[in-house]
C-alpha atoms as a PDB file:
ATOM      1  CA  ILE A   1      -5.981  20.870 -16.132  1.00  0.00           C
ATOM      2  CA  SER A   2      -5.293  19.215 -19.448  1.00  0.00           C
ATOM      3  CA  ASN A   3      -7.834  18.659 -22.208  1.00  0.00           C
ATOM      4  CA  THR A   4      -7.574  14.893 -21.860  1.00  0.00           C
ATOM      5  CA  CYS A   5      -8.785  15.162 -18.267  1.00  0.00           C
ATOM      6  CA  TRP A   6     -11.869  17.165 -19.306  1.00  0.00           C
ATOM      7  CA  GLU A   7     -12.507  14.784 -22.180  1.00  0.00           C
ATOM      8  CA  GLY A   8     -12.379  11.865 -19.753  1.00  0.00           C
ATOM      9  CA  LEU A   9     -14.834  13.568 -17.393  1.00  0.00           C
ATOM     10  CA  SER A  10     -17.119  14.423 -20.277  1.00  0.00           C
ATOM     11  CA  CYS A  11     -17.084  10.818 -21.450  1.00  0.00           C
ATOM     12  CA  LEU A  12     -17.812   9.594 -17.924  1.00  0.00           C
ATOM     13  CA  LEU A  13     -20.685  12.065 -17.546  1.00  0.00           C
ATOM     14  CA  ARG A  14     -22.217  10.920 -20.840  1.00  0.00           C
ATOM     15  CA  ALA A  15     -21.952   7.286 -19.741  1.00  0.00           C
ATOM     16  CA  VAL A  16     -23.620   8.030 -16.391  1.00  0.00           C
ATOM     17  CA  MET A  17     -26.431   9.982 -18.080  1.00  0.00           C
ATOM     18  CA  THR A  18     -26.984   7.159 -20.571  1.00  0.00           C
ATOM     19  CA  LEU A  19     -27.156   4.654 -17.724  1.00  0.00           C
ATOM     20  CA  PHE A  20     -29.605   6.891 -15.837  1.00  0.00           C
ATOM     21  CA  ARG A  21     -31.876   7.234 -18.889  1.00  0.00           C
ATOM     22  CA  THR A  22     -31.793   3.482 -19.466  1.00  0.00           C
ATOM     23  CA  LEU A  23     -32.692   2.698 -15.847  1.00  0.00           C
ATOM     24  CA  LEU A  24     -35.479   5.283 -15.906  1.00  0.00           C
ATOM     25  CA  LEU A  25     -36.912   3.805 -19.098  1.00  0.00           C
ATOM     26  CA  LEU A  26     -36.741   0.266 -17.693  1.00  0.00           C
ATOM     27  CA  SER A  27     -38.439   1.257 -14.436  1.00  0.00           C
ATOM     28  CA  VAL A  28     -41.283   3.025 -16.264  1.00  0.00           C
ATOM     29  CA  ALA A  29     -41.724   0.016 -18.551  1.00  0.00           C
ATOM     30  CA  ALA A  30     -41.725  -2.394 -15.591  1.00  0.00           C
ATOM     31  CA  ALA A  31     -44.320  -0.306 -13.755  1.00  0.00           C
ATOM     32  CA  SER A  32     -46.507  -0.247 -16.855  1.00  0.00           C
ATOM     33  CA  VAL A  33     -46.304  -4.014 -17.312  1.00  0.00           C
ATOM     34  CA  ALA A  34     -46.974  -4.635 -13.611  1.00  0.00           C
ATOM     35  CA  GLU A  35     -50.097  -2.460 -13.777  1.00  0.00           C
ATOM     36  CA  GLN A  36     -51.422  -4.464 -16.728  1.00  0.00           C
ATOM     37  CA  ILE A  37     -50.684  -7.810 -15.086  1.00  0.00           C
ATOM     38  CA  SER A  38     -52.299  -7.042 -11.725  1.00  0.00           C
ATOM     39  CA  PRO A  39     -54.574  -4.013 -11.682  1.00  0.00           C
ATOM     40  CA  GLN A  40     -54.470  -1.796  -8.624  1.00  0.00           C
ATOM     41  CA  ARG A  41     -56.745  -2.772  -5.777  1.00  0.00           C
ATOM     42  CA  ARG A  42     -59.496  -0.327  -5.006  1.00  0.00           C
ATOM     43  CA  LYS A  43     -59.376   1.504  -1.718  1.00  0.00           C
ATOM     44  CA  ARG A  44     -61.848   0.462   0.914  1.00  0.00           C
ATOM     45  CA  GLY A  45     -63.360   2.445   3.739  1.00  0.00           C
ATOM     46  CA  LEU A  46     -64.542   2.081   7.288  1.00  0.00           C
ATOM     47  CA  LEU A  47     -67.804   0.408   6.299  1.00  0.00           C
ATOM     48  CA  GLU A  48     -65.916  -2.417   4.609  1.00  0.00           C
ATOM     49  CA  LEU A  49     -63.683  -2.750   7.679  1.00  0.00           C
ATOM     50  CA  ALA A  50     -66.757  -2.891   9.916  1.00  0.00           C
ATOM     51  CA  GLY A  51     -68.206  -5.607   7.672  1.00  0.00           C
ATOM     52  CA  ALA A  52     -64.989  -7.640   7.866  1.00  0.00           C
ATOM     53  CA  ILE A  53     -64.966  -7.342  11.668  1.00  0.00           C
ATOM     54  CA  LYS A  54     -68.612  -8.408  11.863  1.00  0.00           C
ATOM     55  CA  CYS A  55     -67.982 -11.345   9.528  1.00  0.00           C
ATOM     56  CA  SER A  56     -64.891 -12.642  11.321  1.00  0.00           C
ATOM     57  CA  THR A  57     -65.826 -12.001  14.965  1.00  0.00           C
ATOM     58  CA  GLU A  58     -69.634 -12.006  14.822  1.00  0.00           C
ATOM     59  CA  ARG A  59     -69.509  -8.810  16.913  1.00  0.00           C
ATOM     60  CA  SER A  60     -70.317  -5.255  15.961  1.00  0.00           C
ATOM     61  CA  ALA A  61     -67.355  -3.057  15.096  1.00  0.00           C
ATOM     62  CA  LEU A  62     -68.694  -0.622  17.696  1.00  0.00           C
ATOM     63  CA  ALA A  63     -67.810  -3.182  20.375  1.00  0.00           C
ATOM     64  CA  TYR A  64     -64.147  -2.312  19.727  1.00  0.00           C
ATOM     65  CA  VAL A  65     -64.427   1.489  19.901  1.00  0.00           C
ATOM     66  CA  MET A  66     -62.931   1.812  23.387  1.00  0.00           C
ATOM     67  CA  TYR A  67     -60.938  -1.425  23.134  1.00  0.00           C
ATOM     68  CA  GLY A  68     -57.226  -1.614  23.826  1.00  0.00           C
ATOM     69  CA  CYS A  69     -54.815  -4.448  24.473  1.00  0.00           C
ATOM     70  CA  TYR A  70     -55.070  -5.107  28.190  1.00  0.00           C
ATOM     71  CA  CYS A  71     -52.450  -7.842  28.282  1.00  0.00           C
ATOM     72  CA  GLY A  72     -50.126  -5.742  30.412  1.00  0.00           C
ATOM     73  CA  LEU A  73     -47.112  -3.573  29.702  1.00  0.00           C
ATOM     74  CA  GLY A  74     -45.607  -4.503  26.350  1.00  0.00           C
ATOM     75  CA  GLY A  75     -48.191  -7.236  25.806  1.00  0.00           C
ATOM     76  CA  GLN A  76     -46.472  -9.467  28.376  1.00  0.00           C
ATOM     77  CA  GLY A  77     -49.498 -10.181  30.582  1.00  0.00           C
ATOM     78  CA  TRP A  78     -52.273 -12.726  30.275  1.00  0.00           C
ATOM     79  CA  PRO A  79     -55.052 -12.276  27.687  1.00  0.00           C
ATOM     80  CA  ARG A  80     -58.290 -10.946  29.138  1.00  0.00           C
ATOM     81  CA  ASP A  81     -60.569 -12.082  26.307  1.00  0.00           C
ATOM     82  CA  GLN A  82     -60.534 -13.687  22.830  1.00  0.00           C
ATOM     83  CA  ALA A  83     -59.611 -10.404  21.125  1.00  0.00           C
ATOM     84  CA  ASP A  84     -56.400 -10.131  23.167  1.00  0.00           C
END
């Protein structure tokens, strides 16, 4: 293999590595800016979920412990109650 072939591959490899570094730098910068613009939401737990259920349905979250969708196979049947 001639030297010009290796020189061409070396040049191509340098160009690819430069492109990779540039994209990595841009993605890190974009993530940093996005974090400053909209801070990460805090994680919530089961108590907050229970509160949201109580607020929206006026029923205890415990009312849904053994609940499943009873609309039929694949959800194709008729609703049995408001939650369906």
